[in-house]
Amino acid sequence: MQRRWPGWLAAFILGLIFLPGLLLLLALAGMLPSDSVSAPPGWEAGLGEEALEASLERRAAGLVNPVAPGDEAALAVGMQLYRENCAGCHGGARGPSAWGSGNFYPRVPQFWQQHHEHVTPAEAFVAVRDGIRYSGMGAWRGMLTEPEMWQVANFVSRMHALPARVDARWRAGPAAAE
């Protein structure tokens, strides 16, 4: 007696082979979008966000922050470094980056409006130090000192919970900080 596979199992195995093959053919034929102004579909953005969070958490494990996260002077330095190096893509206290919020794929997080309390200073540090692959986020290693990268990371991770004096300077804008 010959054994038959259940129909659902055959369909599942065929799907495992056919769908990736079809996607590969469409990609090689240039039929998948490659522009950076298209809005990412929700499933892709969600999957990317989860994968990035897991990667940052793993890479940050065991790092010790040498800069006190609540040190107002260090937060003020981090704020200034953020304004000079990060706000062009990630936005400032008053609003989004005009091109960072719409012309990158995936979109650049606009920290001024998106609360990132779940990002620890260590996770922000590894993102700043090493960059984020396939996102346009370059690595700042060799361009900022390690203490400066920690200061930026502390600022980003506390941007929506700053001490009153630092928060007032942040919201006042660049001219008030100098």
Protein backbone atom coordinates (compact mmCIF):
# COMPACT_ATOMS: atom_id res chain seq x y z
CA MET A 1 0.00 0.00 0.00
CA GLN A 2 1.36 3.36 -1.01
CA ARG A 3 1.29 6.09 1.62
CA ARG A 4 -0.14 9.49 0.60
CA TRP A 5 0.84 12.77 2.17
CA PRO A 6 -1.96 14.91 3.51
CA GLY A 7 -2.87 17.69 1.09
CA TRP A 8 -2.08 20.41 3.59
CA LEU A 9 1.46 19.09 4.11
CA ALA A 10 2.13 19.00 0.36
CA ALA A 11 0.81 22.55 0.04
CA PHE A 12 2.96 23.69 2.96
CA ILE A 13 6.13 22.21 1.47
CA LEU A 14 5.31 23.62 -1.96
CA GLY A 15 4.75 27.03 -0.33
CA LEU A 16 8.12 26.85 1.40
CA ILE A 17 9.77 26.42 -1.98
CA PHE A 18 7.51 28.39 -4.32
CA LEU A 19 7.02 31.66 -2.41
CA PRO A 20 10.72 32.38 -1.71
CA GLY A 21 11.52 31.40 -5.30
CA LEU A 22 8.87 33.77 -6.62
CA LEU A 23 10.16 36.60 -4.41
CA LEU A 24 13.70 35.96 -5.63
CA LEU A 25 12.59 36.04 -9.27
CA LEU A 26 10.63 39.27 -8.72
CA ALA A 27 13.61 40.86 -6.99
CA LEU A 28 16.06 39.85 -9.71
CA ALA A 29 13.67 41.12 -12.38
CA GLY A 30 13.61 44.52 -10.67
CA MET A 31 9.93 44.30 -9.85
CA LEU A 32 10.23 44.95 -6.09
CA PRO A 33 10.39 48.60 -5.00
CA SER A 34 13.85 49.91 -4.12
CA ASP A 35 13.16 53.61 -3.61
CA SER A 36 13.53 55.18 -0.18
CA VAL A 37 10.42 57.39 -0.27
CA SER A 38 7.88 54.54 -0.27
CA ALA A 39 6.25 54.01 3.10
CA PRO A 40 7.33 50.70 4.63
CA PRO A 41 4.41 48.29 5.13
CA GLY A 42 3.39 47.81 8.75
CA TRP A 43 4.56 44.19 8.93
CA GLU A 44 8.03 45.15 7.69
CA ALA A 45 8.37 48.10 10.06
CA GLY A 46 7.17 46.00 13.01
CA LEU A 47 9.47 43.09 12.21
CA GLY A 48 12.42 45.45 11.70
CA GLU A 49 11.76 47.23 14.99
CA GLU A 50 11.56 43.96 16.93
CA ALA A 51 14.73 42.61 15.31
CA LEU A 52 16.61 45.85 15.99
CA GLU A 53 15.52 45.96 19.64
CA ALA A 54 16.61 42.35 20.16
CA SER A 55 19.97 42.99 18.50
CA LEU A 56 20.66 46.17 20.49
CA GLU A 57 19.71 44.42 23.73
CA ARG A 58 22.06 41.52 22.98
CA ARG A 59 24.97 43.75 21.90
CA ALA A 60 24.56 46.04 24.92
CA ALA A 61 24.53 43.22 27.46
CA GLY A 62 27.33 43.67 29.97
CA LEU A 63 28.32 47.20 28.94
CA VAL A 64 28.98 49.53 31.85
CA ASN A 65 28.10 53.19 31.38
CA PRO A 66 31.11 55.22 32.60
CA VAL A 67 29.08 58.46 32.54
CA ALA A 68 26.45 58.93 35.25
CA PRO A 69 23.14 58.85 33.30
CA GLY A 70 21.59 61.60 35.46
CA ASP A 71 24.61 63.95 35.48
CA GLU A 72 23.16 67.29 34.30
CA ALA A 73 26.46 68.56 32.90
CA ALA A 74 26.95 65.34 30.90
CA LEU A 75 23.34 65.47 29.67
CA ALA A 76 23.88 69.06 28.52
CA VAL A 77 26.99 68.00 26.60
CA GLY A 78 25.04 65.07 25.13
CA MET A 79 22.26 67.47 24.12
CA GLN A 80 24.72 69.72 22.30
CA LEU A 81 26.36 66.75 20.56
CA TYR A 82 22.90 65.51 19.55
CA ARG A 83 22.01 68.93 18.11
CA GLU A 84 25.25 69.09 16.13
CA ASN A 85 25.37 65.51 14.87
CA CYS A 86 21.99 63.81 15.18
CA ALA A 87 19.12 66.30 14.89
CA GLY A 88 19.57 66.63 11.11
CA CYS A 89 18.17 63.12 10.74
CA HIS A 90 16.38 62.45 14.05
CA GLY A 91 14.73 65.85 14.58
CA GLY A 92 15.04 68.41 17.35
CA ALA A 93 12.98 69.61 20.28
CA ARG A 94 10.65 71.58 18.02
CA GLY A 95 9.92 69.09 15.30
CA PRO A 96 10.97 66.39 12.88
CA SER A 97 13.81 66.40 10.41
CA ALA A 98 12.31 67.40 7.07
CA TRP A 99 14.26 64.82 5.12
CA GLY A 100 15.03 62.28 7.86
CA SER A 101 11.34 61.67 8.51
CA GLY A 102 10.39 61.00 4.91
CA ASN A 103 13.31 60.19 2.65
CA PHE A 104 14.87 57.19 4.38
CA TYR A 105 13.79 53.57 4.16
CA PRO A 106 13.21 52.53 6.84
CA ARG A 107 12.20 55.87 8.32
CA VAL A 108 14.59 57.53 10.75
CA PRO A 109 13.17 57.53 14.28
CA GLN A 110 12.10 61.04 15.23
CA PHE A 111 13.12 60.99 18.87
CA TRP A 112 11.47 64.33 19.68
CA GLN A 113 8.04 62.76 19.21
CA GLN A 114 8.61 59.05 19.79
CA HIS A 115 9.18 58.08 23.38
CA HIS A 116 12.09 55.64 23.56
CA GLU A 117 12.16 54.96 27.30
CA HIS A 118 12.67 51.30 26.50
CA VAL A 119 16.05 52.15 24.92
CA THR A 120 18.70 51.96 27.61
CA PRO A 121 21.82 54.12 27.50
CA ALA A 122 23.85 50.99 26.67
CA GLU A 123 21.55 50.14 23.74
CA ALA A 124 21.72 53.70 22.43
CA PHE A 125 25.51 53.61 22.87
CA VAL A 126 25.97 50.51 20.66
CA ALA A 127 23.67 52.04 18.02
CA VAL A 128 25.76 55.25 18.01
CA ARG A 129 29.11 53.48 18.20
CA ASP A 130 28.47 50.74 15.63
CA GLY A 131 25.66 52.14 13.47
CA ILE A 132 22.66 50.19 12.23
CA ARG A 133 22.97 48.12 9.09
CA TYR A 134 20.61 48.83 6.15
CA SER A 135 19.21 51.96 7.77
CA GLY A 136 21.51 54.85 6.87
CA MET A 137 22.65 55.10 10.52
CA GLY A 138 26.40 55.29 10.31
CA ALA A 139 28.85 54.26 13.00
CA TRP A 140 30.29 57.16 15.02
CA ARG A 141 33.26 55.13 16.30
CA GLY A 142 36.39 57.14 15.56
CA MET A 143 34.38 60.34 15.01
CA LEU A 144 33.28 60.89 18.60
CA THR A 145 35.15 59.82 21.69
CA GLU A 146 33.72 56.99 23.76
CA PRO A 147 32.67 59.40 26.58
CA GLU A 148 30.94 61.62 23.98
CA MET A 149 29.06 58.63 22.58
CA TRP A 150 27.93 57.74 26.12
CA GLN A 151 26.81 61.35 26.68
CA VAL A 152 24.70 61.27 23.50
CA ALA A 153 23.33 57.86 24.45
CA ASN A 154 22.37 59.10 27.92
CA PHE A 155 20.65 62.12 26.39
CA VAL A 156 18.72 60.08 23.80
CA SER A 157 17.57 57.53 26.37
CA ARG A 158 16.33 60.32 28.69
CA MET A 159 15.19 62.88 26.12
CA HIS A 160 11.61 62.86 27.43
CA ALA A 161 12.58 62.75 31.12
CA LEU A 162 15.36 65.32 31.43
CA PRO A 163 16.16 67.30 34.57
CA ALA A 164 14.29 70.62 34.53
CA ARG A 165 17.28 72.84 33.66
CA VAL A 166 18.48 70.61 30.82
CA ASP A 167 14.92 70.22 29.52
CA ALA A 168 14.44 74.01 29.47
CA ARG A 169 17.65 74.43 27.44
CA TRP A 170 16.60 71.63 25.10
CA ARG A 171 13.18 73.13 24.43
CA ALA A 172 14.57 76.66 24.08
CA GLY A 173 16.55 75.64 21.02
CA PRO A 174 20.17 75.85 19.89
CA ALA A 175 20.69 79.60 20.38
CA ALA A 176 19.78 79.37 24.09
CA ALA A 177 22.21 76.50 24.68
CA GLU A 178 25.28 78.50 23.69
